[in-house]
Amino acid sequence: MYNILVAISLILAFTTPATAAIDVQARQAYMVDLQTGEVLLEKNADQQMAPSSMSKIMTAHLIFERLKSGDIKLDDLLHVSESAWRMGGSKMFVKINSNVSVEDLLYGVIVQSGNDACLVLAEGVAGTEAAFAEEMTQKAHEMGAKDTSFVNSSGWPAEGHFSTAKDLALMAERTIRDFPKEYEKYYAVKEFEYNNIKQGNRNTLLYKNMGADGVKTGHSDDGGYGSVTSAKQGDRRLILVINGLPTMNARDQEATTLMNWGFNYFKNYKIFGKGDAVDVADVWGGAEKTVQLVAGKEIIRTLPRTQRKDLKVKIIYDAPIAAPLKAGDEVGTIEITFPEKGVEKIPLLVAKDIEQDGFFQRISNSVHYLLYGKHSS
């Protein structure tokens, strides 16, 4: 038997997903495609900043966890303390010493961005806001958001309360993935009325025909105007975080421009599907003389639409392949070269079982291969 290294190079009509140049006004910005995990935009994404009301993403996440575990129910009533009633900034306008349902408070947090609603929830489920904020920080770190620290439930400016654009995107992603029903139910709601006061959602992208369905806006003197936005078009979902804009209008324009850019400039390409046929290889000493080779995993990548020439694929294996073979046996490698991003390797597998030939047939095949360089038929 002679082993021949087979290397088949393919040049596909794709290119690197390296971030394209676009003017970004925000002090911090981060955009990721959730289908592929590809980062489309970064600007000071790991820089600690004041997250303002975008902190409420984690507040709601912890309440969703407690609802899932059964610790609380949507119709449970929580008491409004004087501290909660006195909270400044954006408010749900809960009444002092009243009792408010967990569900109404969730709408108050997510739709109305109520600082008072956050404090009612924090005190109601953890006893004190400090204890709840400690849980928020712990959960963020468990998610991998290591550059985040919460000292309150609302994002009210405070020393030691900070996050990053990348961390906020991760918190939003976990909410979308961990609680898809809750996310769909609450985050796309455009207005909510409580105490005879109707308030609209501050996320203006919800009112535009671009697939936006969340997540949270924020503003503080230190952090400026910011937002965490998620939108879905077809199979693609993007999360965009921006912060440090000078006005609400600037935030709206920046989020709209960047989100449209993310969907229009980039596209997700399926390079290989798991089990896709890649090549047909000769088999040595098998009951069948060839076997189909398939990709061992799915590869989908986010790539710019405008550049379609530099992605390369190489299929590498030793031929002929010796029998016996079992479906799923790894016999080689598919190497995908992304310019500026290096090489990604995925396994090359055989598609079916192939038994060995009988002893005498193997002898005959060996002689024939030595004489003619191919199997006898």
Protein backbone atom coordinates (compact mmCIF):
# COMPACT_ATOMS: atom_id res chain seq x y z
CA MET A 1 0.00 0.00 0.00
CA TYR A 2 1.32 3.47 -0.91
CA ASN A 3 0.12 6.55 0.96
CA ILE A 4 -0.16 9.69 -1.11
CA LEU A 5 -0.86 12.99 0.60
CA VAL A 6 -3.79 14.57 -1.16
CA ALA A 7 -4.17 18.32 -0.74
CA ILE A 8 -7.02 19.92 -2.65
CA SER A 9 -7.02 23.71 -2.54
CA LEU A 10 -10.20 25.60 -3.21
CA ILE A 11 -10.54 29.35 -3.50
CA LEU A 12 -14.04 30.33 -2.50
CA ALA A 13 -15.83 33.57 -3.22
CA PHE A 14 -15.57 34.97 0.28
CA THR A 15 -13.26 37.24 2.23
CA THR A 16 -12.15 38.12 5.73
CA PRO A 17 -14.68 39.51 8.21
CA ALA A 18 -12.19 42.10 9.42
CA THR A 19 -13.99 45.21 10.59
CA ALA A 20 -14.56 47.65 7.75
CA ALA A 21 -13.97 51.34 8.24
CA ILE A 22 -17.01 53.26 9.44
CA ASP A 23 -17.22 56.53 11.29
CA VAL A 24 -18.26 55.92 14.91
CA GLN A 25 -19.19 58.90 17.06
CA ALA A 26 -19.71 56.96 20.30
CA ARG A 27 -16.88 56.88 22.83
CA GLN A 28 -17.43 53.13 23.21
CA ALA A 29 -18.98 50.75 20.68
CA TYR A 30 -19.27 47.02 20.12
CA MET A 31 -21.25 44.93 17.65
CA VAL A 32 -21.49 41.14 17.43
CA ASP A 33 -23.37 38.70 15.19
CA LEU A 34 -24.94 36.07 17.46
CA GLN A 35 -25.23 33.38 14.79
CA THR A 36 -21.48 33.27 14.16
CA GLY A 37 -20.04 35.08 17.17
CA GLU A 38 -18.18 37.36 14.76
CA VAL A 39 -17.31 40.79 16.15
CA LEU A 40 -18.17 43.36 13.49
CA LEU A 41 -17.23 46.52 15.36
CA GLU A 42 -15.08 47.47 18.33
CA LYS A 43 -14.17 50.87 19.71
CA ASN A 44 -12.89 51.05 23.27
CA ALA A 45 -15.04 47.96 23.87
CA ASP A 46 -13.09 46.92 26.99
CA GLN A 47 -12.95 50.42 28.45
CA GLN A 48 -14.74 50.75 31.77
CA MET A 49 -17.61 53.22 31.58
CA ALA A 50 -20.76 54.31 33.39
CA PRO A 51 -23.47 51.92 32.13
CA SER A 52 -26.37 54.00 33.49
CA SER A 53 -29.76 52.37 32.89
CA MET A 54 -28.24 49.69 30.68
CA SER A 55 -27.42 48.09 34.04
CA LYS A 56 -31.10 47.15 34.21
CA ILE A 57 -30.43 44.30 31.77
CA MET A 58 -28.84 42.41 34.65
CA THR A 59 -31.59 43.45 37.07
CA ALA A 60 -34.22 41.89 34.83
CA HIS A 61 -32.01 38.84 34.19
CA LEU A 62 -31.87 38.01 37.90
CA ILE A 63 -35.64 38.37 38.20
CA PHE A 64 -36.11 36.01 35.23
CA GLU A 65 -33.86 33.51 37.02
CA ARG A 66 -35.95 33.70 40.18
CA LEU A 67 -39.15 33.27 38.19
CA LYS A 68 -37.70 30.21 36.47
CA SER A 69 -36.62 28.65 39.76
CA GLY A 70 -40.03 29.30 41.33
CA ASP A 71 -38.67 31.56 44.06
CA ILE A 72 -41.11 34.25 42.96
CA LYS A 73 -44.16 34.43 40.69
CA LEU A 74 -45.34 37.11 38.30
CA ASP A 75 -48.38 37.89 40.44
CA ASP A 76 -46.41 38.16 43.70
CA LEU A 77 -46.84 41.60 45.26
CA LEU A 78 -43.78 43.53 46.45
CA HIS A 79 -43.88 46.43 48.90
CA VAL A 80 -42.84 49.95 47.85
CA SER A 81 -40.54 51.44 50.48
CA GLU A 82 -40.03 55.14 50.98
CA SER A 83 -36.53 54.79 49.49
CA ALA A 84 -37.98 53.32 46.32
CA TRP A 85 -40.69 55.96 46.13
CA ARG A 86 -38.10 58.73 46.47
CA MET A 87 -35.84 57.44 43.68
CA GLY A 88 -35.01 60.12 41.13
CA GLY A 89 -34.41 59.94 37.40
CA SER A 90 -36.67 57.88 35.20
CA LYS A 91 -39.58 56.46 37.18
CA MET A 92 -42.45 54.02 37.01
CA PHE A 93 -44.24 56.26 39.57
CA VAL A 94 -45.05 53.61 42.13
CA LYS A 95 -46.87 54.85 45.25
CA ILE A 96 -45.29 54.77 48.67
CA ASN A 97 -46.39 51.82 50.86
CA SER A 98 -48.31 50.27 47.95
CA ASN A 99 -47.83 46.73 46.69
CA VAL A 100 -46.94 46.12 43.05
CA SER A 101 -46.86 42.84 41.13
CA VAL A 102 -43.56 41.44 39.91
CA GLU A 103 -44.86 41.53 36.34
CA ASP A 104 -45.80 45.20 36.49
CA LEU A 105 -42.40 45.94 37.97
CA LEU A 106 -40.70 44.09 35.12
CA TYR A 107 -42.54 46.26 32.61
CA GLY A 108 -41.60 49.25 34.72
CA VAL A 109 -37.92 48.32 34.56
CA ILE A 110 -37.73 47.29 30.92
CA VAL A 111 -40.19 49.59 29.17
CA GLN A 112 -40.28 52.65 31.43
CA SER A 113 -36.72 52.32 32.76
CA GLY A 114 -38.05 52.98 36.25
CA ASN A 115 -35.36 53.40 38.88
CA ASP A 116 -38.07 53.06 41.52
CA ALA A 117 -39.21 49.74 40.04
CA CYS A 118 -35.63 48.43 40.20
CA LEU A 119 -35.35 49.23 43.88
CA VAL A 120 -38.71 47.62 44.70
CA LEU A 121 -37.58 44.42 42.98
CA ALA A 122 -34.14 44.46 44.58
CA GLU A 123 -35.48 44.97 48.10
CA GLY A 124 -38.34 42.56 47.54
CA VAL A 125 -36.23 39.59 46.42
CA ALA A 126 -32.88 40.17 48.17
CA GLY A 127 -33.78 42.19 51.26
CA THR A 128 -31.48 45.10 50.41
CA GLU A 129 -30.33 46.72 47.21
CA ALA A 130 -26.71 46.19 48.20
CA ALA A 131 -27.27 42.42 48.43
CA PHE A 132 -29.04 42.41 45.07
CA ALA A 133 -26.25 44.44 43.44
CA GLU A 134 -23.72 41.95 44.77
CA GLU A 135 -25.69 39.17 43.07
CA MET A 136 -25.72 41.21 39.86
CA THR A 137 -21.94 41.50 39.91
CA GLN A 138 -21.48 37.82 40.72
CA LYS A 139 -23.77 36.77 37.87
CA ALA A 140 -22.00 39.09 35.44
CA HIS A 141 -18.65 37.55 36.37
CA GLU A 142 -20.06 34.04 35.98
CA MET A 143 -21.12 34.99 32.45
CA GLY A 144 -17.60 36.17 31.68
CA ALA A 145 -18.31 39.89 32.08
CA LYS A 146 -15.28 40.35 34.33
CA ASP A 147 -14.90 44.11 33.83
CA THR A 148 -18.25 44.88 35.42
CA SER A 149 -19.17 45.94 38.94
CA PHE A 150 -22.65 46.90 40.14
CA VAL A 151 -23.38 48.76 43.36
CA ASN A 152 -27.09 49.37 42.70
CA SER A 153 -29.94 47.86 40.69
CA SER A 154 -30.80 50.82 38.49
CA GLY A 155 -27.53 52.17 37.14
CA TRP A 156 -27.80 55.33 39.21
CA PRO A 157 -24.36 57.01 39.09
CA ALA A 158 -22.19 55.74 41.91
CA GLU A 159 -18.53 55.13 42.62
CA GLY A 160 -17.56 51.57 41.79
CA HIS A 161 -20.51 51.06 39.40
CA PHE A 162 -19.09 50.36 35.94
CA SER A 163 -19.16 48.03 32.95
CA THR A 164 -17.87 47.84 29.37
CA ALA A 165 -19.52 47.75 25.97
CA LYS A 166 -18.38 44.16 25.47
CA ASP A 167 -19.69 43.08 28.89
CA LEU A 168 -23.09 44.68 28.28
CA ALA A 169 -23.35 42.86 24.95
CA LEU A 170 -22.61 39.59 26.74
CA MET A 171 -25.33 40.25 29.34
CA ALA A 172 -27.83 41.01 26.58
CA GLU A 173 -26.84 37.88 24.69
CA ARG A 174 -27.29 35.70 27.77
CA THR A 175 -30.73 37.18 28.39
CA ILE A 176 -31.76 36.46 24.79
CA ARG A 177 -30.39 32.91 24.88
CA ASP A 178 -31.36 31.96 28.45
CA PHE A 179 -34.83 33.52 28.48
CA PRO A 180 -36.10 33.71 24.87
CA LYS A 181 -39.79 33.75 25.84
CA GLU A 182 -39.33 36.43 28.46
CA TYR A 183 -37.18 38.47 26.11
CA GLU A 184 -39.83 38.34 23.40
CA LYS A 185 -42.61 39.16 25.86
CA TYR A 186 -41.11 42.22 27.57
CA TYR A 187 -38.32 43.82 25.59
CA ALA A 188 -40.17 44.70 22.39
CA VAL A 189 -43.08 46.37 24.23
CA LYS A 190 -43.33 49.97 23.02
CA GLU A 191 -45.36 51.48 25.86
CA PHE A 192 -46.67 50.63 29.31
CA GLU A 193 -49.18 52.37 31.56
CA TYR A 194 -49.03 52.30 35.33
CA ASN A 195 -50.73 54.56 37.88
CA ASN A 196 -52.60 56.18 34.96
CA ILE A 197 -49.29 57.30 33.47
CA LYS A 198 -48.46 55.92 30.02
CA GLN A 199 -44.82 55.96 29.02
CA GLY A 200 -43.17 54.94 25.77
CA ASN A 201 -40.09 52.77 25.46
CA ARG A 202 -36.97 54.95 25.09
CA ASN A 203 -35.50 52.51 22.57
CA THR A 204 -36.45 54.39 19.39
CA LEU A 205 -35.25 51.58 17.11
CA LEU A 206 -38.33 49.60 18.16
CA TYR A 207 -40.40 52.05 16.15
CA LYS A 208 -38.40 51.53 12.96
CA ASN A 209 -38.84 48.71 10.47
CA MET A 210 -35.45 47.09 11.03
CA GLY A 211 -36.15 44.06 13.23
CA ALA A 212 -35.20 45.68 16.55
CA ASP A 213 -36.78 43.99 19.58
CA GLY A 214 -34.70 45.25 22.52
CA VAL A 215 -32.78 45.87 24.68
CA LYS A 216 -32.11 48.98 26.85
CA THR A 217 -31.14 52.61 26.66
CA GLY A 218 -29.25 54.66 29.24
CA HIS A 219 -27.99 58.12 30.10
CA SER A 220 -25.82 59.68 32.75
CA ASP A 221 -23.65 62.79 32.98
CA ASP A 222 -20.47 60.70 33.07
CA GLY A 223 -21.46 58.05 30.55
CA GLY A 224 -23.40 60.18 28.10
CA TYR A 225 -26.22 58.68 26.06
CA GLY A 226 -25.96 54.99 25.27
CA SER A 227 -27.96 51.94 24.29
CA VAL A 228 -27.83 48.19 23.98
CA THR A 229 -29.81 47.27 20.88
CA SER A 230 -30.64 43.90 19.40
CA ALA A 231 -32.29 43.31 16.04
CA LYS A 232 -33.10 40.21 14.03
CA GLN A 233 -33.35 39.95 10.25
CA GLY A 234 -33.82 36.46 8.85
CA ASP A 235 -31.43 34.09 10.62
CA ARG A 236 -29.13 36.89 11.73
CA ARG A 237 -29.31 38.63 15.09
CA LEU A 238 -27.00 41.51 15.92
CA ILE A 239 -26.29 43.11 19.27
CA LEU A 240 -24.97 46.67 19.25
CA VAL A 241 -23.71 48.58 22.28
CA ILE A 242 -22.88 52.29 22.09
CA ASN A 243 -22.19 54.83 24.81
CA GLY A 244 -20.87 58.34 25.23
CA LEU A 245 -23.12 60.17 22.75
CA PRO A 246 -23.90 63.84 23.49
CA THR A 247 -27.68 63.78 22.93
CA MET A 248 -30.64 61.43 22.67
CA ASN A 249 -30.94 62.27 18.97
CA ALA A 250 -27.27 61.47 18.38
CA ARG A 251 -27.79 58.11 20.10
CA ASP A 252 -30.77 57.36 17.87
CA GLN A 253 -28.91 58.28 14.69
CA GLU A 254 -25.78 56.36 15.67
CA ALA A 255 -27.67 53.20 16.61
CA THR A 256 -29.74 53.31 13.42
CA THR A 257 -26.71 53.89 11.18
CA LEU A 258 -24.56 51.20 12.77
CA MET A 259 -27.31 48.59 12.92
CA ASN A 260 -28.19 49.11 9.26
CA TRP A 261 -24.50 48.90 8.39
CA GLY A 262 -24.14 45.64 10.28
CA PHE A 263 -26.95 44.03 8.32
CA ASN A 264 -26.23 45.57 4.92
CA TYR A 265 -22.44 45.49 4.73
CA PHE A 266 -22.02 41.98 6.13
CA LYS A 267 -23.66 38.67 5.30
CA ASN A 268 -23.47 35.23 6.91
CA TYR A 269 -22.09 32.59 4.57
CA LYS A 270 -22.35 28.85 5.12
CA ILE A 271 -18.94 27.58 4.03
CA PHE A 272 -19.60 23.97 5.03
CA GLY A 273 -22.52 22.18 6.60
CA LYS A 274 -21.91 19.20 8.85
CA GLY A 275 -21.92 16.15 6.58
CA ASP A 276 -21.46 18.10 3.35
CA ALA A 277 -19.69 16.04 0.68
CA VAL A 278 -16.15 17.31 0.11
CA ASP A 279 -14.29 14.69 -1.95
CA VAL A 280 -14.24 11.03 -3.01
CA ALA A 281 -11.17 9.06 -1.91
CA ASP A 282 -9.73 5.73 -3.07
CA VAL A 283 -9.99 2.92 -0.51
CA TRP A 284 -7.21 0.35 -0.01
CA GLY A 285 -8.24 -3.24 0.65
CA GLY A 286 -11.94 -2.50 0.93
CA ALA A 287 -15.09 -4.17 -0.28
CA GLU A 288 -15.76 -0.84 -2.02
CA LYS A 289 -13.03 0.98 -3.91
CA THR A 290 -13.99 4.57 -3.05
CA VAL A 291 -15.57 6.41 -0.17
CA GLN A 292 -17.13 9.84 0.11
CA LEU A 293 -15.45 12.28 2.47
CA VAL A 294 -17.55 14.83 4.37
CA ALA A 295 -17.10 17.88 6.58
CA GLY A 296 -17.08 17.05 10.29
CA LYS A 297 -18.77 20.28 11.45
CA GLU A 298 -20.71 23.25 10.23
CA ILE A 299 -18.82 26.42 9.42
CA ILE A 300 -20.79 29.67 9.07
CA ARG A 301 -18.92 32.96 9.01
CA THR A 302 -19.88 36.62 8.81
CA LEU A 303 -18.07 38.22 5.89
CA PRO A 304 -18.28 41.58 4.12
CA ARG A 305 -20.43 41.42 1.01
CA THR A 306 -18.07 43.63 -0.98
CA GLN A 307 -14.95 41.45 -0.81
CA ARG A 308 -15.26 37.92 -2.18
CA LYS A 309 -11.93 36.54 -3.22
CA ASP A 310 -9.46 35.77 -0.45
CA LEU A 311 -10.87 32.91 1.61
CA LYS A 312 -9.08 29.63 0.83
CA VAL A 313 -9.92 26.02 1.67
CA LYS A 314 -7.48 23.10 1.59
CA ILE A 315 -8.55 19.46 1.95
CA ILE A 316 -5.73 17.24 3.27
CA TYR A 317 -5.66 13.44 3.66
CA ASP A 318 -3.51 10.39 2.86
CA ALA A 319 -4.70 8.31 -0.09
CA PRO A 320 -5.61 5.57 -0.57
CA ILE A 321 -7.42 5.15 2.74
CA ALA A 322 -7.09 1.71 4.30
CA ALA A 323 -10.18 -0.38 5.06
CA PRO A 324 -11.96 -1.24 7.27
CA LEU A 325 -13.69 2.10 7.76
CA LYS A 326 -16.53 3.21 9.99
CA ALA A 327 -18.79 6.12 9.20
CA GLY A 328 -17.43 9.12 11.07
CA ASP A 329 -13.79 7.99 11.09
CA GLU A 330 -11.53 11.02 10.86
CA VAL A 331 -9.12 10.62 7.95
CA GLY A 332 -7.95 14.14 7.27
CA THR A 333 -8.42 17.84 7.76
CA ILE A 334 -10.13 20.75 6.10
CA GLU A 335 -8.09 23.92 6.51
CA ILE A 336 -9.89 27.23 6.04
CA THR A 337 -7.63 30.25 5.75
CA PHE A 338 -9.16 33.58 6.73
CA PRO A 339 -6.89 36.47 5.73
CA GLU A 340 -5.75 38.37 8.83
CA LYS A 341 -7.42 35.78 11.05
CA GLY A 342 -5.29 32.69 10.43
CA VAL A 343 -6.31 29.11 9.75
CA GLU A 344 -9.27 27.19 11.14
CA LYS A 345 -9.21 23.41 10.92
CA ILE A 346 -12.18 21.04 10.90
CA PRO A 347 -12.13 17.24 10.67
CA LEU A 348 -12.57 15.37 7.39
CA LEU A 349 -14.68 12.24 7.93
CA VAL A 350 -15.67 9.15 5.94
CA ALA A 351 -19.37 9.01 5.15
CA LYS A 352 -20.06 5.27 5.41
CA ASP A 353 -18.84 1.90 6.69
CA ILE A 354 -16.59 -0.08 4.36
CA GLU A 355 -15.51 -3.63 5.21
CA GLN A 356 -12.16 -5.16 4.33
CA ASP A 357 -11.78 -7.36 1.27
CA GLY A 358 -11.08 -11.05 1.81
CA PHE A 359 -7.44 -12.15 2.27
CA PHE A 360 -6.84 -13.32 -1.30
CA GLN A 361 -8.51 -10.29 -2.80
CA ARG A 362 -6.23 -8.05 -0.72
CA ILE A 363 -3.19 -9.93 -2.06
CA SER A 364 -4.46 -9.51 -5.61
CA ASN A 365 -5.09 -5.82 -5.05
CA SER A 366 -1.57 -5.36 -3.66
CA VAL A 367 0.05 -6.95 -6.68
CA HIS A 368 -2.15 -5.00 -9.08
CA TYR A 369 -1.41 -1.72 -7.27
CA LEU A 370 2.36 -2.36 -7.42
CA LEU A 371 2.19 -3.11 -11.15
CA TYR A 372 -0.34 -0.56 -12.33
CA GLY A 373 -0.71 1.99 -9.52
CA LYS A 374 -4.43 1.34 -9.09
CA HIS A 375 -6.86 -1.22 -7.71
CA SER A 376 -8.01 -4.18 -9.72
CA SER A 377 -11.69 -3.97 -10.55
